[in-house]
Amino acid sequence: MRPEQLLAPTSTGLFCPPGGFHIDPTRAVERALITHAHSDHARPGHAAVAATAETLDLMRLRYGENCAGTTQAVGYGERIMINGVAVTFWPAGHILGSAQIMLEAGGLRLLVTGDYKTVADPTCAPFERLACDVLISEATFALPVFRHGEAALEIGKLLRSLAIMRAAALIPVR
Protein backbone atom coordinates (compact mmCIF):
# COMPACT_ATOMS: atom_id res chain seq x y z
CA MET A 1 0.00 0.00 0.00
CA ARG A 2 1.24 3.49 -0.84
CA PRO A 3 0.98 6.24 1.80
CA GLU A 4 -1.51 8.30 -0.25
CA GLN A 5 -3.80 5.27 -0.41
CA LEU A 6 -3.93 5.16 3.39
CA LEU A 7 -4.18 8.88 4.11
CA ALA A 8 -4.87 11.73 1.69
CA PRO A 9 -5.55 15.46 2.01
CA THR A 10 -9.12 16.52 1.19
CA SER A 11 -11.14 19.72 1.54
CA THR A 12 -12.19 18.54 5.02
CA GLY A 13 -8.70 17.49 6.12
CA LEU A 14 -6.74 14.24 6.23
CA PHE A 15 -8.93 11.33 5.11
CA CYS A 16 -8.30 7.59 5.33
CA PRO A 17 -10.22 6.08 2.35
CA PRO A 18 -10.00 2.44 3.44
CA GLY A 19 -10.99 3.29 7.03
CA GLY A 20 -13.64 5.85 6.12
CA PHE A 21 -12.47 8.37 8.73
CA HIS A 22 -10.73 11.73 9.01
CA ILE A 23 -8.00 12.77 11.42
CA ASP A 24 -8.53 16.25 12.93
CA PRO A 25 -10.97 17.31 10.18
CA THR A 26 -11.58 21.00 9.54
CA ARG A 27 -15.37 20.58 9.24
CA ALA A 28 -17.96 18.19 10.61
CA VAL A 29 -17.65 14.68 9.12
CA GLU A 30 -19.18 11.24 9.63
CA ARG A 31 -16.22 9.79 11.57
CA ALA A 32 -13.33 11.75 13.13
CA LEU A 33 -10.24 10.70 15.04
CA ILE A 34 -9.00 13.61 17.15
CA THR A 35 -5.37 14.05 18.24
CA HIS A 36 -6.06 16.61 21.00
CA ALA A 37 -8.58 19.14 22.26
CA HIS A 38 -7.17 22.39 20.87
CA SER A 39 -9.75 24.06 18.64
CA ASP A 40 -7.63 23.79 15.48
CA HIS A 41 -7.85 19.98 15.88
CA ALA A 42 -11.07 19.28 17.78
CA ARG A 43 -14.27 20.69 16.38
CA PRO A 44 -17.91 19.92 17.22
CA GLY A 45 -20.57 18.39 15.02
CA HIS A 46 -19.02 15.09 13.91
CA ALA A 47 -21.36 12.11 13.73
CA ALA A 48 -18.77 9.92 15.54
CA VAL A 49 -15.52 10.80 17.33
CA ALA A 50 -12.72 8.59 18.63
CA ALA A 51 -10.13 10.19 20.93
CA THR A 52 -8.56 9.72 24.33
CA ALA A 53 -10.94 10.02 27.29
CA GLU A 54 -9.25 13.27 28.34
CA THR A 55 -9.65 14.79 24.88
CA LEU A 56 -13.33 13.82 24.84
CA ASP A 57 -13.80 15.37 28.30
CA LEU A 58 -12.16 18.62 27.15
CA MET A 59 -14.30 18.65 24.00
CA ARG A 60 -17.43 18.28 26.15
CA LEU A 61 -16.32 21.16 28.38
CA ARG A 62 -15.66 23.38 25.37
CA TYR A 63 -18.53 22.39 23.07
CA GLY A 64 -21.12 20.85 25.39
CA GLU A 65 -22.28 17.32 26.11
CA ASN A 66 -23.56 16.90 22.55
CA CYS A 67 -20.24 17.81 20.88
CA ALA A 68 -20.55 14.67 18.69
CA GLY A 69 -23.22 12.15 17.79
CA THR A 70 -21.29 9.31 19.43
CA THR A 71 -17.91 9.13 21.11
CA GLN A 72 -15.37 6.37 21.65
CA ALA A 73 -12.61 6.72 24.24
CA VAL A 74 -9.40 5.04 23.14
CA GLY A 75 -6.61 4.39 25.65
CA TYR A 76 -2.94 4.86 24.91
CA GLY A 77 -1.56 1.72 23.30
CA GLU A 78 -5.07 0.39 22.64
CA ARG A 79 -5.45 -0.93 19.10
CA ILE A 80 -8.84 -0.62 17.42
CA MET A 81 -9.84 -1.79 13.96
CA ILE A 82 -11.79 0.52 11.68
CA ASN A 83 -12.81 -1.09 8.37
CA GLY A 84 -9.59 -3.12 8.20
CA VAL A 85 -7.27 -0.29 9.31
CA ALA A 86 -5.50 -0.80 12.64
CA VAL A 87 -5.55 2.43 14.66
CA THR A 88 -3.53 2.98 17.83
CA PHE A 89 -3.35 6.15 19.95
CA TRP A 90 0.03 6.92 21.59
CA PRO A 91 1.01 9.78 23.93
CA ALA A 92 2.11 12.99 22.19
CA GLY A 93 3.28 14.88 25.30
CA HIS A 94 1.60 18.09 24.09
CA ILE A 95 -1.40 18.63 26.41
CA LEU A 96 -3.63 16.49 28.60
CA GLY A 97 -5.02 13.68 26.41
CA SER A 98 -2.91 14.51 23.35
CA ALA A 99 -2.16 11.59 21.08
CA GLN A 100 -0.22 10.52 18.06
CA ILE A 101 -2.33 8.26 15.86
CA MET A 102 -0.73 5.25 14.18
CA LEU A 103 -2.49 3.78 11.14
CA GLU A 104 -1.51 0.32 9.93
CA ALA A 105 -2.75 -1.34 6.75
CA GLY A 106 -1.23 -3.23 3.83
CA GLY A 107 2.15 -3.48 5.56
CA LEU A 108 2.39 0.31 5.98
CA ARG A 109 2.75 2.12 9.33
CA LEU A 110 1.73 5.77 9.05
CA LEU A 111 1.89 8.08 12.09
CA VAL A 112 0.04 11.41 12.45
CA THR A 113 1.24 13.53 15.36
CA GLY A 114 -0.82 16.69 15.40
CA ASP A 115 1.11 18.77 17.94
CA TYR A 116 3.66 17.03 20.14
CA LYS A 117 6.29 17.84 22.74
CA THR A 118 9.35 15.73 23.55
CA VAL A 119 10.31 17.48 26.82
CA ALA A 120 8.82 16.36 30.13
CA ASP A 121 5.55 18.02 31.09
CA PRO A 122 3.83 17.15 34.38
CA THR A 123 0.40 17.96 32.88
CA CYS A 124 0.31 15.09 30.38
CA ALA A 125 1.61 11.65 29.45
CA PRO A 126 5.14 11.78 28.03
CA PHE A 127 5.78 11.63 24.28
CA GLU A 128 6.56 8.14 22.96
CA ARG A 129 8.96 7.60 20.07
CA LEU A 130 7.49 5.20 17.54
CA ALA A 131 8.84 3.39 14.50
CA CYS A 132 6.87 4.10 11.34
CA ASP A 133 7.22 4.22 7.56
CA VAL A 134 5.64 7.66 7.18
CA LEU A 135 5.44 10.50 9.70
CA ILE A 136 2.99 13.37 9.29
CA SER A 137 3.73 16.10 11.79
CA GLU A 138 2.12 19.45 12.36
CA ALA A 139 4.60 22.33 12.39
CA THR A 140 2.55 25.22 13.79
CA PHE A 141 5.42 26.52 15.94
CA ALA A 142 8.35 25.55 13.71
CA LEU A 143 9.24 29.13 12.77
CA PRO A 144 12.15 30.66 14.71
CA VAL A 145 9.89 33.54 15.81
CA PHE A 146 8.19 31.18 18.29
CA ARG A 147 10.05 30.94 21.58
CA HIS A 148 8.39 29.11 24.45
CA GLY A 149 9.31 29.79 28.05
CA GLU A 150 10.55 27.19 30.48
CA ALA A 151 7.66 24.91 31.46
CA ALA A 152 8.07 25.42 35.22
CA LEU A 153 7.87 29.22 34.82
CA GLU A 154 4.81 28.99 32.56
CA ILE A 155 3.05 26.63 35.00
CA GLY A 156 3.90 29.06 37.82
CA LYS A 157 2.23 31.89 35.85
CA LEU A 158 -0.88 29.75 35.38
CA LEU A 159 -1.06 28.85 39.08
CA ARG A 160 -0.64 32.52 40.10
CA SER A 161 -3.46 33.49 37.70
CA LEU A 162 -5.72 30.84 39.23
CA ALA A 163 -4.92 32.09 42.74
CA ILE A 164 -5.79 35.67 41.73
CA MET A 165 -9.06 34.52 40.15
CA ARG A 166 -9.98 32.45 43.21
CA ALA A 167 -9.20 35.38 45.49
CA ALA A 168 -11.50 37.54 43.39
CA ALA A 169 -14.17 34.79 43.65
CA LEU A 170 -14.14 34.26 39.87
CA ILE A 171 -13.33 30.55 40.26
CA PRO A 172 -14.91 28.47 43.04
CA VAL A 173 -12.53 26.68 45.41
CA ARG A 174 -13.15 22.93 45.57
C-alpha atoms as a PDB file:
ATOM      1  CA  MET A   1       0.000   0.000   0.000  1.00  0.00           C
ATOM      2  CA  ARG A   2       1.244   3.487  -0.838  1.00  0.00           C
ATOM      3  CA  PRO A   3       0.978   6.243   1.803  1.00  0.00           C
ATOM      4  CA  GLU A   4      -1.510   8.301  -0.247  1.00  0.00           C
ATOM      5  CA  GLN A   5      -3.802   5.269  -0.412  1.00  0.00           C
ATOM      6  CA  LEU A   6      -3.926   5.159   3.387  1.00  0.00           C
ATOM      7  CA  LEU A   7      -4.179   8.884   4.106  1.00  0.00           C
ATOM      8  CA  ALA A   8      -4.868  11.725   1.689  1.00  0.00           C
ATOM      9  CA  PRO A   9      -5.552  15.458   2.005  1.00  0.00           C
ATOM     10  CA  THR A  10      -9.124  16.524   1.189  1.00  0.00           C
ATOM     11  CA  SER A  11     -11.143  19.725   1.535  1.00  0.00           C
ATOM     12  CA  THR A  12     -12.187  18.541   5.019  1.00  0.00           C
ATOM     13  CA  GLY A  13      -8.699  17.490   6.117  1.00  0.00           C
ATOM     14  CA  LEU A  14      -6.739  14.239   6.226  1.00  0.00           C
ATOM     15  CA  PHE A  15      -8.933  11.330   5.109  1.00  0.00           C
ATOM     16  CA  CYS A  16      -8.298   7.593   5.331  1.00  0.00           C
ATOM     17  CA  PRO A  17     -10.218   6.083   2.352  1.00  0.00           C
ATOM     18  CA  PRO A  18      -9.999   2.437   3.438  1.00  0.00           C
ATOM     19  CA  GLY A  19     -10.991   3.289   7.031  1.00  0.00           C
ATOM     20  CA  GLY A  20     -13.639   5.848   6.118  1.00  0.00           C
ATOM     21  CA  PHE A  21     -12.467   8.367   8.731  1.00  0.00           C
ATOM     22  CA  HIS A  22     -10.734  11.731   9.007  1.00  0.00           C
ATOM     23  CA  ILE A  23      -7.998  12.773  11.421  1.00  0.00           C
ATOM     24  CA  ASP A  24      -8.530  16.246  12.930  1.00  0.00           C
ATOM     25  CA  PRO A  25     -10.971  17.314  10.182  1.00  0.00           C
ATOM     26  CA  THR A  26     -11.576  20.999   9.538  1.00  0.00           C
ATOM     27  CA  ARG A  27     -15.366  20.585   9.243  1.00  0.00           C
ATOM     28  CA  ALA A  28     -17.964  18.191  10.607  1.00  0.00           C
ATOM     29  CA  VAL A  29     -17.655  14.678   9.117  1.00  0.00           C
ATOM     30  CA  GLU A  30     -19.177  11.235   9.633  1.00  0.00           C
ATOM     31  CA  ARG A  31     -16.220   9.793  11.570  1.00  0.00           C
ATOM     32  CA  ALA A  32     -13.334  11.749  13.125  1.00  0.00           C
ATOM     33  CA  LEU A  33     -10.236  10.695  15.039  1.00  0.00           C
ATOM     34  CA  ILE A  34      -9.004  13.613  17.147  1.00  0.00           C
ATOM     35  CA  THR A  35      -5.372  14.053  18.242  1.00  0.00           C
ATOM     36  CA  HIS A  36      -6.065  16.606  20.996  1.00  0.00           C
ATOM     37  CA  ALA A  37      -8.576  19.145  22.262  1.00  0.00           C
ATOM     38  CA  HIS A  38      -7.168  22.391  20.872  1.00  0.00           C
ATOM     39  CA  SER A  39      -9.751  24.062  18.638  1.00  0.00           C
ATOM     40  CA  ASP A  40      -7.632  23.791  15.482  1.00  0.00           C
ATOM     41  CA  HIS A  41      -7.852  19.984  15.877  1.00  0.00           C
ATOM     42  CA  ALA A  42     -11.070  19.278  17.776  1.00  0.00           C
ATOM     43  CA  ARG A  43     -14.273  20.691  16.382  1.00  0.00           C
ATOM     44  CA  PRO A  44     -17.906  19.920  17.223  1.00  0.00           C
ATOM     45  CA  GLY A  45     -20.570  18.388  15.016  1.00  0.00           C
ATOM     46  CA  HIS A  46     -19.016  15.092  13.906  1.00  0.00           C
ATOM     47  CA  ALA A  47     -21.361  12.106  13.735  1.00  0.00           C
ATOM     48  CA  ALA A  48     -18.772   9.925  15.539  1.00  0.00           C
ATOM     49  CA  VAL A  49     -15.519  10.798  17.333  1.00  0.00           C
ATOM     50  CA  ALA A  50     -12.722   8.590  18.631  1.00  0.00           C
ATOM     51  CA  ALA A  51     -10.132  10.192  20.926  1.00  0.00           C
ATOM     52  CA  THR A  52      -8.562   9.721  24.334  1.00  0.00           C
ATOM     53  CA  ALA A  53     -10.942  10.018  27.285  1.00  0.00           C
ATOM     54  CA  GLU A  54      -9.254  13.266  28.342  1.00  0.00           C
ATOM     55  CA  THR A  55      -9.654  14.785  24.878  1.00  0.00           C
ATOM     56  CA  LEU A  56     -13.326  13.817  24.837  1.00  0.00           C
ATOM     57  CA  ASP A  57     -13.796  15.374  28.301  1.00  0.00           C
ATOM     58  CA  LEU A  58     -12.164  18.618  27.153  1.00  0.00           C
ATOM     59  CA  MET A  59     -14.297  18.651  24.003  1.00  0.00           C
ATOM     60  CA  ARG A  60     -17.434  18.278  26.149  1.00  0.00           C
ATOM     61  CA  LEU A  61     -16.322  21.157  28.379  1.00  0.00           C
ATOM     62  CA  ARG A  62     -15.659  23.378  25.368  1.00  0.00           C
ATOM     63  CA  TYR A  63     -18.530  22.389  23.065  1.00  0.00           C
ATOM     64  CA  GLY A  64     -21.121  20.848  25.387  1.00  0.00           C
ATOM     65  CA  GLU A  65     -22.279  17.324  26.112  1.00  0.00           C
ATOM     66  CA  ASN A  66     -23.557  16.900  22.548  1.00  0.00           C
ATOM     67  CA  CYS A  67     -20.240  17.806  20.877  1.00  0.00           C
ATOM     68  CA  ALA A  68     -20.551  14.673  18.689  1.00  0.00           C
ATOM     69  CA  GLY A  69     -23.224  12.155  17.791  1.00  0.00           C
ATOM     70  CA  THR A  70     -21.292   9.313  19.430  1.00  0.00           C
ATOM     71  CA  THR A  71     -17.906   9.128  21.110  1.00  0.00           C
ATOM     72  CA  GLN A  72     -15.372   6.366  21.653  1.00  0.00           C
ATOM     73  CA  ALA A  73     -12.615   6.718  24.242  1.00  0.00           C
ATOM     74  CA  VAL A  74      -9.399   5.040  23.136  1.00  0.00           C
ATOM     75  CA  GLY A  75      -6.615   4.393  25.651  1.00  0.00           C
ATOM     76  CA  TYR A  76      -2.944   4.859  24.911  1.00  0.00           C
ATOM     77  CA  GLY A  77      -1.564   1.724  23.303  1.00  0.00           C
ATOM     78  CA  GLU A  78      -5.069   0.387  22.642  1.00  0.00           C
ATOM     79  CA  ARG A  79      -5.450  -0.927  19.101  1.00  0.00           C
ATOM     80  CA  ILE A  80      -8.842  -0.623  17.419  1.00  0.00           C
ATOM     81  CA  MET A  81      -9.836  -1.793  13.957  1.00  0.00           C
ATOM     82  CA  ILE A  82     -11.788   0.517  11.675  1.00  0.00           C
ATOM     83  CA  ASN A  83     -12.808  -1.090   8.370  1.00  0.00           C
ATOM     84  CA  GLY A  84      -9.594  -3.124   8.202  1.00  0.00           C
ATOM     85  CA  VAL A  85      -7.274  -0.293   9.310  1.00  0.00           C
ATOM     86  CA  ALA A  86      -5.499  -0.804  12.644  1.00  0.00           C
ATOM     87  CA  VAL A  87      -5.553   2.433  14.659  1.00  0.00           C
ATOM     88  CA  THR A  88      -3.533   2.983  17.828  1.00  0.00           C
ATOM     89  CA  PHE A  89      -3.348   6.147  19.953  1.00  0.00           C
ATOM     90  CA  TRP A  90       0.025   6.922  21.590  1.00  0.00           C
ATOM     91  CA  PRO A  91       1.015   9.785  23.933  1.00  0.00           C
ATOM     92  CA  ALA A  92       2.110  12.987  22.190  1.00  0.00           C
ATOM     93  CA  GLY A  93       3.283  14.885  25.299  1.00  0.00           C
ATOM     94  CA  HIS A  94       1.603  18.091  24.091  1.00  0.00           C
ATOM     95  CA  ILE A  95      -1.404  18.626  26.406  1.00  0.00           C
ATOM     96  CA  LEU A  96      -3.630  16.488  28.605  1.00  0.00           C
ATOM     97  CA  GLY A  97      -5.016  13.681  26.414  1.00  0.00           C
ATOM     98  CA  SER A  98      -2.915  14.510  23.351  1.00  0.00           C
ATOM     99  CA  ALA A  99      -2.164  11.587  21.085  1.00  0.00           C
ATOM    100  CA  GLN A 100      -0.216  10.522  18.057  1.00  0.00           C
ATOM    101  CA  ILE A 101      -2.334   8.259  15.864  1.00  0.00           C
ATOM    102  CA  MET A 102      -0.725   5.248  14.177  1.00  0.00           C
ATOM    103  CA  LEU A 103      -2.494   3.776  11.142  1.00  0.00           C
ATOM    104  CA  GLU A 104      -1.510   0.315   9.925  1.00  0.00           C
ATOM    105  CA  ALA A 105      -2.751  -1.341   6.747  1.00  0.00           C
ATOM    106  CA  GLY A 106      -1.231  -3.233   3.825  1.00  0.00           C
ATOM    107  CA  GLY A 107       2.148  -3.482   5.556  1.00  0.00           C
ATOM    108  CA  LEU A 108       2.393   0.309   5.978  1.00  0.00           C
ATOM    109  CA  ARG A 109       2.751   2.121   9.329  1.00  0.00           C
ATOM    110  CA  LEU A 110       1.733   5.769   9.049  1.00  0.00           C
ATOM    111  CA  LEU A 111       1.892   8.085  12.086  1.00  0.00           C
ATOM    112  CA  VAL A 112       0.037  11.406  12.454  1.00  0.00           C
ATOM    113  CA  THR A 113       1.243  13.530  15.356  1.00  0.00           C
ATOM    114  CA  GLY A 114      -0.825  16.692  15.405  1.00  0.00           C
ATOM    115  CA  ASP A 115       1.114  18.768  17.941  1.00  0.00           C
ATOM    116  CA  TYR A 116       3.662  17.029  20.139  1.00  0.00           C
ATOM    117  CA  LYS A 117       6.293  17.843  22.737  1.00  0.00           C
ATOM    118  CA  THR A 118       9.355  15.735  23.553  1.00  0.00           C
ATOM    119  CA  VAL A 119      10.307  17.485  26.821  1.00  0.00           C
ATOM    120  CA  ALA A 120       8.818  16.355  30.128  1.00  0.00           C
ATOM    121  CA  ASP A 121       5.546  18.023  31.092  1.00  0.00           C
ATOM    122  CA  PRO A 122       3.826  17.146  34.378  1.00  0.00           C
ATOM    123  CA  THR A 123       0.399  17.957  32.877  1.00  0.00           C
ATOM    124  CA  CYS A 124       0.311  15.093  30.377  1.00  0.00           C
ATOM    125  CA  ALA A 125       1.612  11.648  29.451  1.00  0.00           C
ATOM    126  CA  PRO A 126       5.140  11.778  28.025  1.00  0.00           C
ATOM    127  CA  PHE A 127       5.777  11.629  24.277  1.00  0.00           C
ATOM    128  CA  GLU A 128       6.556   8.143  22.955  1.00  0.00           C
ATOM    129  CA  ARG A 129       8.959   7.604  20.067  1.00  0.00           C
ATOM    130  CA  LEU A 130       7.488   5.204  17.541  1.00  0.00           C
ATOM    131  CA  ALA A 131       8.845   3.395  14.504  1.00  0.00           C
ATOM    132  CA  CYS A 132       6.870   4.104  11.342  1.00  0.00           C
ATOM    133  CA  ASP A 133       7.224   4.217   7.562  1.00  0.00           C
ATOM    134  CA  VAL A 134       5.639   7.664   7.178  1.00  0.00           C
ATOM    135  CA  LEU A 135       5.438  10.495   9.703  1.00  0.00           C
ATOM    136  CA  ILE A 136       2.988  13.366   9.285  1.00  0.00           C
ATOM    137  CA  SER A 137       3.728  16.103  11.791  1.00  0.00           C
ATOM    138  CA  GLU A 138       2.122  19.450  12.357  1.00  0.00           C
ATOM    139  CA  ALA A 139       4.598  22.335  12.387  1.00  0.00           C
ATOM    140  CA  THR A 140       2.555  25.216  13.792  1.00  0.00           C
ATOM    141  CA  PHE A 141       5.415  26.523  15.936  1.00  0.00           C
ATOM    142  CA  ALA A 142       8.352  25.549  13.709  1.00  0.00           C
ATOM    143  CA  LEU A 143       9.238  29.131  12.770  1.00  0.00           C
ATOM    144  CA  PRO A 144      12.150  30.663  14.714  1.00  0.00           C
ATOM    145  CA  VAL A 145       9.892  33.544  15.811  1.00  0.00           C
ATOM    146  CA  PHE A 146       8.188  31.183  18.288  1.00  0.00           C
ATOM    147  CA  ARG A 147      10.051  30.944  21.582  1.00  0.00           C
ATOM    148  CA  HIS A 148       8.393  29.114  24.449  1.00  0.00           C
ATOM    149  CA  GLY A 149       9.310  29.794  28.047  1.00  0.00           C
ATOM    150  CA  GLU A 150      10.547  27.188  30.483  1.00  0.00           C
ATOM    151  CA  ALA A 151       7.658  24.912  31.460  1.00  0.00           C
ATOM    152  CA  ALA A 152       8.075  25.424  35.218  1.00  0.00           C
ATOM    153  CA  LEU A 153       7.868  29.217  34.824  1.00  0.00           C
ATOM    154  CA  GLU A 154       4.809  28.989  32.564  1.00  0.00           C
ATOM    155  CA  ILE A 155       3.046  26.630  34.997  1.00  0.00           C
ATOM    156  CA  GLY A 156       3.897  29.064  37.819  1.00  0.00           C
ATOM    157  CA  LYS A 157       2.227  31.889  35.850  1.00  0.00           C
ATOM    158  CA  LEU A 158      -0.876  29.754  35.379  1.00  0.00           C
ATOM    159  CA  LEU A 159      -1.060  28.850  39.078  1.00  0.00           C
ATOM    160  CA  ARG A 160      -0.644  32.524  40.102  1.00  0.00           C
ATOM    161  CA  SER A 161      -3.459  33.489  37.704  1.00  0.00           C
ATOM    162  CA  LEU A 162      -5.715  30.839  39.228  1.00  0.00           C
ATOM    163  CA  ALA A 163      -4.921  32.086  42.743  1.00  0.00           C
ATOM    164  CA  ILE A 164      -5.793  35.667  41.728  1.00  0.00           C
ATOM    165  CA  MET A 165      -9.064  34.522  40.150  1.00  0.00           C
ATOM    166  CA  ARG A 166      -9.976  32.454  43.205  1.00  0.00           C
ATOM    167  CA  ALA A 167      -9.198  35.382  45.494  1.00  0.00           C
ATOM    168  CA  ALA A 168     -11.502  37.539  43.389  1.00  0.00           C
ATOM    169  CA  ALA A 169     -14.166  34.787  43.649  1.00  0.00           C
ATOM    170  CA  LEU A 170     -14.143  34.259  39.872  1.00  0.00           C
ATOM    171  CA  ILE A 171     -13.328  30.546  40.259  1.00  0.00           C
ATOM    172  CA  PRO A 172     -14.908  28.468  43.037  1.00  0.00           C
ATOM    173  CA  VAL A 173     -12.532  26.679  45.413  1.00  0.00           C
ATOM    174  CA  ARG A 174     -13.148  22.929  45.573  1.00  0.00           C
END
